[in-house]
């Protein structure tokens, strides 16, 4: 029988980080990984970290070290700062 996240204490051990930086990092890692059609396992193998670490990063539940972030950037073949780049927002023209 599978235990729910609340019963296992997962949310307490890995709380969601509610900061713009964490959400941007999570979205960028997920987007860049999916653009390459990689699974989390694929990225984990290329970075030599656990798949769970990739999952936690992509779900804003990790506080990764610089070493891990450098490995991810290198594996994804992007500049380190690209992991934190906020995408340009589409702006609607104002009605006059």
PDB file of N, CA and C in Angstrom:
ATOM      1  N   UNK A   1       0.842  -1.175   0.000  1.00  0.00           N
ATOM      2  CA  UNK A   1       0.000   0.000   0.000  1.00  0.00           C
ATOM      3  C   UNK A   1       0.887   1.239   0.000  1.00  0.00           C
ATOM      4  N   UNK A   2       0.667   2.131  -0.927  1.00  0.00           N
ATOM      5  CA  UNK A   2       1.461   3.351  -1.034  1.00  0.00           C
ATOM      6  C   UNK A   2       1.053   4.328   0.058  1.00  0.00           C
ATOM      7  N   UNK A   3       2.041   4.940   0.667  1.00  0.00           N
ATOM      8  CA  UNK A   3       1.769   5.923   1.711  1.00  0.00           C
ATOM      9  C   UNK A   3       1.704   7.300   1.085  1.00  0.00           C
ATOM     10  N   UNK A   4       0.801   8.118   1.580  1.00  0.00           N
ATOM     11  CA  UNK A   4       0.670   9.470   1.038  1.00  0.00           C
ATOM     12  C   UNK A   4       1.849  10.316   1.492  1.00  0.00           C
ATOM     13  N   UNK A   5       2.091  11.398   0.769  1.00  0.00           N
ATOM     14  CA  UNK A   5       3.197  12.275   1.113  1.00  0.00           C
ATOM     15  C   UNK A   5       3.045  12.852   2.514  1.00  0.00           C
ATOM     16  N   UNK A   6       1.816  13.140   2.911  1.00  0.00           N
ATOM     17  CA  UNK A   6       1.616  13.723   4.232  1.00  0.00           C
ATOM     18  C   UNK A   6       1.926  12.706   5.327  1.00  0.00           C
ATOM     19  N   UNK A   7       1.631  11.453   5.108  1.00  0.00           N
ATOM     20  CA  UNK A   7       1.881  10.418   6.108  1.00  0.00           C
ATOM     21  C   UNK A   7       3.359  10.065   6.183  1.00  0.00           C
ATOM     22  N   UNK A   8       4.084  10.235   5.099  1.00  0.00           N
ATOM     23  CA  UNK A   8       5.502   9.877   5.103  1.00  0.00           C
ATOM     24  C   UNK A   8       6.379  11.026   5.573  1.00  0.00           C
ATOM     25  N   UNK A   9       5.820  12.211   5.702  1.00  0.00           N
ATOM     26  CA  UNK A   9       6.594  13.366   6.127  1.00  0.00           C
ATOM     27  C   UNK A   9       7.419  13.992   5.017  1.00  0.00           C
ATOM     28  N   UNK A  10       7.143  13.616   3.762  1.00  0.00           N
ATOM     29  CA  UNK A  10       7.909  14.136   2.624  1.00  0.00           C
ATOM     30  C   UNK A  10       7.885  15.652   2.595  1.00  0.00           C
ATOM     31  N   UNK A  11       6.716  16.232   2.758  1.00  0.00           N
ATOM     32  CA  UNK A  11       6.576  17.685   2.706  1.00  0.00           C
ATOM     33  C   UNK A  11       7.361  18.398   3.796  1.00  0.00           C
ATOM     34  N   UNK A  12       7.522  17.755   4.943  1.00  0.00           N
ATOM     35  CA  UNK A  12       8.313  18.357   6.011  1.00  0.00           C
ATOM     36  C   UNK A  12       9.805  18.220   5.724  1.00  0.00           C
ATOM     37  N   UNK A  13      10.195  17.081   5.169  1.00  0.00           N
ATOM     38  CA  UNK A  13      11.612  16.860   4.849  1.00  0.00           C
ATOM     39  C   UNK A  13      12.050  17.682   3.658  1.00  0.00           C
ATOM     40  N   UNK A  14      11.156  17.866   2.685  1.00  0.00           N
ATOM     41  CA  UNK A  14      11.471  18.598   1.458  1.00  0.00           C
ATOM     42  C   UNK A  14      10.396  19.647   1.192  1.00  0.00           C
ATOM     43  N   UNK A  15      10.373  20.709   1.987  1.00  0.00           N
ATOM     44  CA  UNK A  15       9.326  21.723   1.800  1.00  0.00           C
ATOM     45  C   UNK A  15       9.493  22.449   0.470  1.00  0.00           C
ATOM     46  N   UNK A  16       8.379  22.800  -0.130  1.00  0.00           N
ATOM     47  CA  UNK A  16       8.418  23.584  -1.366  1.00  0.00           C
ATOM     48  C   UNK A  16       8.975  24.956  -1.037  1.00  0.00           C
ATOM     49  N   UNK A  17       9.891  25.403  -1.853  1.00  0.00           N
ATOM     50  CA  UNK A  17      10.507  26.725  -1.663  1.00  0.00           C
ATOM     51  C   UNK A  17       9.704  27.721  -2.494  1.00  0.00           C
ATOM     52  N   UNK A  18       9.184  28.702  -1.818  1.00  0.00           N
ATOM     53  CA  UNK A  18       8.284  29.647  -2.482  1.00  0.00           C
ATOM     54  C   UNK A  18       8.997  30.950  -2.809  1.00  0.00           C
ATOM     55  N   UNK A  19      10.094  30.835  -3.537  1.00  0.00           N
ATOM     56  CA  UNK A  19      10.781  32.054  -3.959  1.00  0.00           C
ATOM     57  C   UNK A  19      10.825  32.087  -5.486  1.00  0.00           C
ATOM     58  N   UNK A  20      10.900  33.273  -6.020  1.00  0.00           N
ATOM     59  CA  UNK A  20      10.960  33.429  -7.476  1.00  0.00           C
ATOM     60  C   UNK A  20      12.197  32.732  -8.042  1.00  0.00           C
ATOM     61  N   UNK A  21      13.305  32.781  -7.316  1.00  0.00           N
ATOM     62  CA  UNK A  21      14.543  32.146  -7.786  1.00  0.00           C
ATOM     63  C   UNK A  21      14.358  30.631  -7.874  1.00  0.00           C
ATOM     64  N   UNK A  22      13.800  30.017  -6.841  1.00  0.00           N
ATOM     65  CA  UNK A  22      13.582  28.567  -6.852  1.00  0.00           C
ATOM     66  C   UNK A  22      12.629  28.146  -7.963  1.00  0.00           C
ATOM     67  N   UNK A  23      11.542  28.918  -8.120  1.00  0.00           N
ATOM     68  CA  UNK A  23      10.573  28.582  -9.172  1.00  0.00           C
ATOM     69  C   UNK A  23      11.186  28.747 -10.563  1.00  0.00           C
ATOM     70  N   UNK A  24      11.998  29.782 -10.754  1.00  0.00           N
ATOM     71  CA  UNK A  24      12.637  30.007 -12.054  1.00  0.00           C
ATOM     72  C   UNK A  24      13.645  28.910 -12.345  1.00  0.00           C
ATOM     73  N   UNK A  25      14.465  28.569 -11.351  1.00  0.00           N
ATOM     74  CA  UNK A  25      15.428  27.477 -11.522  1.00  0.00           C
ATOM     75  C   UNK A  25      14.704  26.186 -11.877  1.00  0.00           C
ATOM     76  N   UNK A  26      13.660  25.863 -11.151  1.00  0.00           N
ATOM     77  CA  UNK A  26      12.899  24.633 -11.393  1.00  0.00           C
ATOM     78  C   UNK A  26      12.346  24.599 -12.818  1.00  0.00           C
ATOM     79  N   UNK A  27      11.722  25.692 -13.221  1.00  0.00           N
ATOM     80  CA  UNK A  27      11.118  25.748 -14.556  1.00  0.00           C
ATOM     81  C   UNK A  27      12.177  25.653 -15.646  1.00  0.00           C
ATOM     82  N   UNK A  28      13.308  26.323 -15.463  1.00  0.00           N
ATOM     83  CA  UNK A  28      14.356  26.302 -16.488  1.00  0.00           C
ATOM     84  C   UNK A  28      15.012  24.935 -16.616  1.00  0.00           C
ATOM     85  N   UNK A  29      15.304  24.285 -15.492  1.00  0.00           N
ATOM     86  CA  UNK A  29      15.916  22.950 -15.559  1.00  0.00           C
ATOM     87  C   UNK A  29      14.955  21.990 -16.259  1.00  0.00           C
ATOM     88  N   UNK A  30      13.677  22.027 -15.860  1.00  0.00           N
ATOM     89  CA  UNK A  30      12.683  21.144 -16.477  1.00  0.00           C
ATOM     90  C   UNK A  30      12.554  21.428 -17.977  1.00  0.00           C
ATOM     91  N   UNK A  31      12.439  22.716 -18.338  1.00  0.00           N
ATOM     92  CA  UNK A  31      12.288  23.093 -19.753  1.00  0.00           C
ATOM     93  C   UNK A  31      13.510  22.666 -20.578  1.00  0.00           C
ATOM     94  N   UNK A  32      14.693  22.974 -20.104  1.00  0.00           N
ATOM     95  CA  UNK A  32      15.913  22.637 -20.840  1.00  0.00           C
ATOM     96  C   UNK A  32      16.075  21.120 -20.984  1.00  0.00           C
ATOM     97  N   UNK A  33      15.727  20.393 -19.924  1.00  0.00           N
ATOM     98  CA  UNK A  33      15.813  18.927 -19.978  1.00  0.00           C
ATOM     99  C   UNK A  33      14.824  18.382 -21.007  1.00  0.00           C
ATOM    100  N   UNK A  34      13.610  18.872 -20.968  1.00  0.00           N
ATOM    101  CA  UNK A  34      12.587  18.377 -21.895  1.00  0.00           C
ATOM    102  C   UNK A  34      12.880  18.772 -23.334  1.00  0.00           C
ATOM    103  N   UNK A  35      13.480  19.950 -23.550  1.00  0.00           N
ATOM    104  CA  UNK A  35      13.865  20.351 -24.908  1.00  0.00           C
ATOM    105  C   UNK A  35      14.829  19.337 -25.516  1.00  0.00           C
ATOM    106  N   UNK A  36      15.615  18.697 -24.669  1.00  0.00           N
ATOM    107  CA  UNK A  36      16.574  17.692 -25.143  1.00  0.00           C
ATOM    108  C   UNK A  36      15.972  16.288 -25.172  1.00  0.00           C
ATOM    109  N   UNK A  37      14.721  16.221 -24.770  1.00  0.00           N
ATOM    110  CA  UNK A  37      13.990  14.943 -24.700  1.00  0.00           C
ATOM    111  C   UNK A  37      14.678  13.951 -23.763  1.00  0.00           C
ATOM    112  N   UNK A  38      15.190  14.475 -22.675  1.00  0.00           N
ATOM    113  CA  UNK A  38      15.832  13.662 -21.658  1.00  0.00           C
ATOM    114  C   UNK A  38      14.854  13.405 -20.529  1.00  0.00           C
ATOM    115  N   UNK A  39      15.008  12.273 -19.899  1.00  0.00           N
ATOM    116  CA  UNK A  39      14.282  11.993 -18.669  1.00  0.00           C
ATOM    117  C   UNK A  39      15.094  12.555 -17.507  1.00  0.00           C
ATOM    118  N   UNK A  40      14.505  12.552 -16.348  1.00  0.00           N
ATOM    119  CA  UNK A  40      15.262  12.951 -15.163  1.00  0.00           C
ATOM    120  C   UNK A  40      16.432  11.998 -14.946  1.00  0.00           C
ATOM    121  N   UNK A  41      16.225  10.735 -15.244  1.00  0.00           N
ATOM    122  CA  UNK A  41      17.318   9.755 -15.132  1.00  0.00           C
ATOM    123  C   UNK A  41      18.465  10.098 -16.077  1.00  0.00           C
ATOM    124  N   UNK A  42      18.135  10.530 -17.292  1.00  0.00           N
ATOM    125  CA  UNK A  42      19.170  10.914 -18.255  1.00  0.00           C
ATOM    126  C   UNK A  42      20.010  12.072 -17.715  1.00  0.00           C
ATOM    127  N   UNK A  43      19.334  13.104 -17.212  1.00  0.00           N
ATOM    128  CA  UNK A  43      20.061  14.252 -16.679  1.00  0.00           C
ATOM    129  C   UNK A  43      20.864  13.860 -15.443  1.00  0.00           C
ATOM    130  N   UNK A  44      20.301  13.037 -14.609  1.00  0.00           N
ATOM    131  CA  UNK A  44      21.013  12.582 -13.411  1.00  0.00           C
ATOM    132  C   UNK A  44      22.296  11.840 -13.787  1.00  0.00           C
ATOM    133  N   UNK A  45      22.214  10.989 -14.783  1.00  0.00           N
ATOM    134  CA  UNK A  45      23.399  10.238 -15.217  1.00  0.00           C
ATOM    135  C   UNK A  45      24.472  11.178 -15.761  1.00  0.00           C
ATOM    136  N   UNK A  46      24.048  12.188 -16.489  1.00  0.00           N
ATOM    137  CA  UNK A  46      25.011  13.140 -17.079  1.00  0.00           C
ATOM    138  C   UNK A  46      25.638  14.062 -16.036  1.00  0.00           C
ATOM    139  N   UNK A  47      24.953  14.265 -14.933  1.00  0.00           N
ATOM    140  CA  UNK A  47      25.457  15.145 -13.886  1.00  0.00           C
ATOM    141  C   UNK A  47      26.066  14.380 -12.719  1.00  0.00           C
ATOM    142  N   UNK A  48      25.890  13.084 -12.722  1.00  0.00           N
ATOM    143  CA  UNK A  48      26.363  12.205 -11.644  1.00  0.00           C
ATOM    144  C   UNK A  48      25.747  12.569 -10.293  1.00  0.00           C
ATOM    145  N   UNK A  49      24.454  12.886 -10.327  1.00  0.00           N
ATOM    146  CA  UNK A  49      23.683  13.072  -9.098  1.00  0.00           C
ATOM    147  C   UNK A  49      22.492  12.119  -9.158  1.00  0.00           C
ATOM    148  N   UNK A  50      21.839  11.949  -8.049  1.00  0.00           N
ATOM    149  CA  UNK A  50      20.679  11.062  -7.992  1.00  0.00           C
ATOM    150  C   UNK A  50      19.495  11.656  -8.744  1.00  0.00           C
ATOM    151  N   UNK A  51      18.668  10.786  -9.310  1.00  0.00           N
ATOM    152  CA  UNK A  51      17.453  11.233 -10.003  1.00  0.00           C
ATOM    153  C   UNK A  51      16.564  11.995  -9.044  1.00  0.00           C
ATOM    154  N   UNK A  52      16.518  11.592  -7.793  1.00  0.00           N
ATOM    155  CA  UNK A  52      15.702  12.270  -6.788  1.00  0.00           C
ATOM    156  C   UNK A  52      16.143  13.730  -6.639  1.00  0.00           C
ATOM    157  N   UNK A  53      17.431  13.994  -6.751  1.00  0.00           N
ATOM    158  CA  UNK A  53      17.935  15.364  -6.667  1.00  0.00           C
ATOM    159  C   UNK A  53      17.386  16.200  -7.809  1.00  0.00           C
ATOM    160  N   UNK A  54      17.395  15.641  -9.023  1.00  0.00           N
ATOM    161  CA  UNK A  54      16.847  16.358 -10.186  1.00  0.00           C
ATOM    162  C   UNK A  54      15.359  16.630  -9.958  1.00  0.00           C
ATOM    163  N   UNK A  55      14.637  15.634  -9.471  1.00  0.00           N
ATOM    164  CA  UNK A  55      13.215  15.800  -9.202  1.00  0.00           C
ATOM    165  C   UNK A  55      12.970  16.894  -8.175  1.00  0.00           C
ATOM    166  N   UNK A  56      13.741  16.894  -7.098  1.00  0.00           N
ATOM    167  CA  UNK A  56      13.568  17.908  -6.062  1.00  0.00           C
ATOM    168  C   UNK A  56      13.858  19.305  -6.601  1.00  0.00           C
ATOM    169  N   UNK A  57      14.882  19.436  -7.450  1.00  0.00           N
ATOM    170  CA  UNK A  57      15.198  20.734  -8.056  1.00  0.00           C
ATOM    171  C   UNK A  57      14.051  21.188  -8.947  1.00  0.00           C
ATOM    172  N   UNK A  58      13.545  20.279  -9.780  1.00  0.00           N
ATOM    173  CA  UNK A  58      12.475  20.630 -10.716  1.00  0.00           C
ATOM    174  C   UNK A  58      11.150  20.918 -10.027  1.00  0.00           C
ATOM    175  N   UNK A  59      11.044  20.544  -8.765  1.00  0.00           N
ATOM    176  CA  UNK A  59       9.812  20.794  -8.017  1.00  0.00           C
ATOM    177  C   UNK A  59      10.004  21.830  -6.912  1.00  0.00           C
ATOM    178  N   UNK A  60      11.059  22.622  -7.033  1.00  0.00           N
ATOM    179  CA  UNK A  60      11.366  23.690  -6.060  1.00  0.00           C
ATOM    180  C   UNK A  60      11.439  23.184  -4.632  1.00  0.00           C
ATOM    181  N   UNK A  61      11.982  21.991  -4.462  1.00  0.00           N
ATOM    182  CA  UNK A  61      12.089  21.409  -3.125  1.00  0.00           C
ATOM    183  C   UNK A  61      13.540  21.161  -2.730  1.00  0.00           C
ATOM    184  N   UNK A  62      14.485  21.697  -3.493  1.00  0.00           N
ATOM    185  CA  UNK A  62      15.895  21.475  -3.195  1.00  0.00           C
ATOM    186  C   UNK A  62      16.620  22.795  -3.068  1.00  0.00           C
ATOM    187  N   UNK A  63      17.722  22.749  -2.365  1.00  0.00           N
ATOM    188  CA  UNK A  63      18.621  23.880  -2.256  1.00  0.00           C
ATOM    189  C   UNK A  63      19.974  23.376  -2.770  1.00  0.00           C
ATOM    190  N   UNK A  64      20.095  23.249  -4.104  1.00  0.00           N
ATOM    191  CA  UNK A  64      21.280  22.604  -4.665  1.00  0.00           C
ATOM    192  C   UNK A  64      22.556  23.410  -4.452  1.00  0.00           C
ATOM    193  N   UNK A  65      23.656  22.699  -4.362  1.00  0.00           N
ATOM    194  CA  UNK A  65      24.958  23.345  -4.225  1.00  0.00           C
ATOM    195  C   UNK A  65      25.383  23.937  -5.565  1.00  0.00           C
ATOM    196  N   UNK A  66      26.347  24.822  -5.511  1.00  0.00           N
ATOM    197  CA  UNK A  66      26.898  25.383  -6.747  1.00  0.00           C
ATOM    198  C   UNK A  66      27.487  24.276  -7.616  1.00  0.00           C
ATOM    199  N   UNK A  67      28.101  23.290  -6.991  1.00  0.00           N
ATOM    200  CA  UNK A  67      28.699  22.179  -7.738  1.00  0.00           C
ATOM    201  C   UNK A  67      27.631  21.431  -8.546  1.00  0.00           C
ATOM    202  N   UNK A  68      26.491  21.169  -7.927  1.00  0.00           N
ATOM    203  CA  UNK A  68      25.393  20.491  -8.623  1.00  0.00           C
ATOM    204  C   UNK A  68      24.865  21.369  -9.752  1.00  0.00           C
ATOM    205  N   UNK A  69      24.682  22.653  -9.478  1.00  0.00           N
ATOM    206  CA  UNK A  69      24.178  23.563 -10.513  1.00  0.00           C
ATOM    207  C   UNK A  69      25.163  23.694 -11.671  1.00  0.00           C
ATOM    208  N   UNK A  70      26.448  23.732 -11.375  1.00  0.00           N
ATOM    209  CA  UNK A  70      27.458  23.775 -12.435  1.00  0.00           C
ATOM    210  C   UNK A  70      27.403  22.506 -13.281  1.00  0.00           C
ATOM    211  N   UNK A  71      27.209  21.364 -12.636  1.00  0.00           N
ATOM    212  CA  UNK A  71      27.097  20.092 -13.364  1.00  0.00           C
ATOM    213  C   UNK A  71      25.871  20.082 -14.270  1.00  0.00           C
ATOM    214  N   UNK A  72      24.768  20.610 -13.769  1.00  0.00           N
ATOM    215  CA  UNK A  72      23.542  20.661 -14.569  1.00  0.00           C
ATOM    216  C   UNK A  72      23.731  21.577 -15.770  1.00  0.00           C
ATOM    217  N   UNK A  73      24.295  22.750 -15.541  1.00  0.00           N
ATOM    218  CA  UNK A  73      24.526  23.685 -16.644  1.00  0.00           C
ATOM    219  C   UNK A  73      25.436  23.071 -17.696  1.00  0.00           C
ATOM    220  N   UNK A  74      26.491  22.412 -17.258  1.00  0.00           N
ATOM    221  CA  UNK A  74      27.424  21.777 -18.195  1.00  0.00           C
ATOM    222  C   UNK A  74      26.733  20.667 -18.980  1.00  0.00           C
ATOM    223  N   UNK A  75      25.967  19.833 -18.296  1.00  0.00           N
ATOM    224  CA  UNK A  75      25.267  18.739 -18.971  1.00  0.00           C
ATOM    225  C   UNK A  75      24.268  19.267 -19.993  1.00  0.00           C
ATOM    226  N   UNK A  76      23.598  20.357 -19.653  1.00  0.00           N
ATOM    227  CA  UNK A  76      22.599  20.948 -20.551  1.00  0.00           C
ATOM    228  C   UNK A  76      23.232  21.859 -21.600  1.00  0.00           C
ATOM    229  N   UNK A  77      24.542  22.070 -21.481  1.00  0.00           N
ATOM    230  CA  UNK A  77      25.313  22.898 -22.409  1.00  0.00           C
ATOM    231  C   UNK A  77      24.765  24.320 -22.473  1.00  0.00           C
ATOM    232  N   UNK A  78      24.559  24.889 -21.279  1.00  0.00           N
ATOM    233  CA  UNK A  78      24.108  26.279 -21.172  1.00  0.00           C
ATOM    234  C   UNK A  78      25.010  27.004 -20.171  1.00  0.00           C
ATOM    235  N   UNK A  79      25.009  28.315 -20.248  1.00  0.00           N
ATOM    236  CA  UNK A  79      25.724  29.113 -19.259  1.00  0.00           C
ATOM    237  C   UNK A  79      25.020  28.974 -17.914  1.00  0.00           C
ATOM    238  N   UNK A  80      25.812  28.986 -16.861  1.00  0.00           N
ATOM    239  CA  UNK A  80      25.277  28.858 -15.505  1.00  0.00           C
ATOM    240  C   UNK A  80      24.125  29.822 -15.258  1.00  0.00           C
ATOM    241  N   UNK A  81      24.288  31.068 -15.684  1.00  0.00           N
ATOM    242  CA  UNK A  81      23.261  32.087 -15.429  1.00  0.00           C
ATOM    243  C   UNK A  81      21.959  31.791 -16.156  1.00  0.00           C
ATOM    244  N   UNK A  82      22.025  31.000 -17.220  1.00  0.00           N
ATOM    245  CA  UNK A  82      20.796  30.668 -17.950  1.00  0.00           C
ATOM    246  C   UNK A  82      19.835  29.845 -17.091  1.00  0.00           C
ATOM    247  N   UNK A  83      20.366  29.147 -16.104  1.00  0.00           N
ATOM    248  CA  UNK A  83      19.498  28.386 -15.207  1.00  0.00           C
ATOM    249  C   UNK A  83      18.600  29.301 -14.387  1.00  0.00           C
ATOM    250  N   UNK A  84      19.013  30.568 -14.242  1.00  0.00           N
ATOM    251  CA  UNK A  84      18.274  31.519 -13.422  1.00  0.00           C
ATOM    252  C   UNK A  84      17.616  32.628 -14.227  1.00  0.00           C
ATOM    253  N   UNK A  85      17.710  32.550 -15.543  1.00  0.00           N
ATOM    254  CA  UNK A  85      17.162  33.598 -16.405  1.00  0.00           C
ATOM    255  C   UNK A  85      15.636  33.566 -16.377  1.00  0.00           C
ATOM    256  N   UNK A  86      15.061  34.713 -16.147  1.00  0.00           N
ATOM    257  CA  UNK A  86      13.608  34.837 -16.168  1.00  0.00           C
ATOM    258  C   UNK A  86      13.176  35.038 -17.609  1.00  0.00           C
ATOM    259  N   UNK A  87      12.276  34.204 -18.110  1.00  0.00           N
ATOM    260  CA  UNK A  87      11.835  34.371 -19.497  1.00  0.00           C
ATOM    261  C   UNK A  87      11.120  35.697 -19.693  1.00  0.00           C
ATOM    262  N   UNK A  88      11.293  36.266 -20.870  1.00  0.00           N
ATOM    263  CA  UNK A  88      10.610  37.520 -21.186  1.00  0.00           C
ATOM    264  C   UNK A  88       9.108  37.268 -21.171  1.00  0.00           C
ATOM    265  N   UNK A  89       8.414  38.149 -20.552  1.00  0.00           N
ATOM    266  CA  UNK A  89       6.957  37.993 -20.482  1.00  0.00           C
ATOM    267  C   UNK A  89       6.321  38.622 -21.706  1.00  0.00           C
ATOM    268  N   UNK A  90       5.304  37.958 -22.173  1.00  0.00           N
ATOM    269  CA  UNK A  90       4.562  38.523 -23.308  1.00  0.00           C
ATOM    270  C   UNK A  90       3.706  39.666 -22.783  1.00  0.00           C
ATOM    271  N   UNK A  91       3.784  40.782 -23.447  1.00  0.00           N
ATOM    272  CA  UNK A  91       3.000  41.943 -23.025  1.00  0.00           C
ATOM    273  C   UNK A  91       1.900  42.208 -24.030  1.00  0.00           C
ATOM    274  N   UNK A  92       0.747  42.453 -23.498  1.00  0.00           N
ATOM    275  CA  UNK A  92      -0.386  42.795 -24.353  1.00  0.00           C
ATOM    276  C   UNK A  92      -0.359  44.290 -24.623  1.00  0.00           C
ATOM    277  N   UNK A  93      -0.648  44.663 -25.843  1.00  0.00           N
ATOM    278  CA  UNK A  93      -0.713  46.118 -26.116  1.00  0.00           C
ATOM    279  C   UNK A  93      -1.876  46.720 -25.330  1.00  0.00           C
ATOM    280  N   UNK A  94      -1.646  47.906 -24.805  1.00  0.00           N
ATOM    281  CA  UNK A  94      -2.707  48.589 -24.037  1.00  0.00           C
ATOM    282  C   UNK A  94      -3.739  49.148 -24.992  1.00  0.00           C
ATOM    283  N   UNK A  95      -4.994  48.975 -24.617  1.00  0.00           N
ATOM    284  CA  UNK A  95      -6.074  49.560 -25.418  1.00  0.00           C
ATOM    285  C   UNK A  95      -6.083  51.062 -25.183  1.00  0.00           C
ATOM    286  N   UNK A  96      -6.310  51.804 -26.254  1.00  0.00           N
ATOM    287  CA  UNK A  96      -6.344  53.270 -26.139  1.00  0.00           C
ATOM    288  C   UNK A  96      -7.749  53.765 -26.040  1.00  0.00           C
TER     289      UNK A  96
END
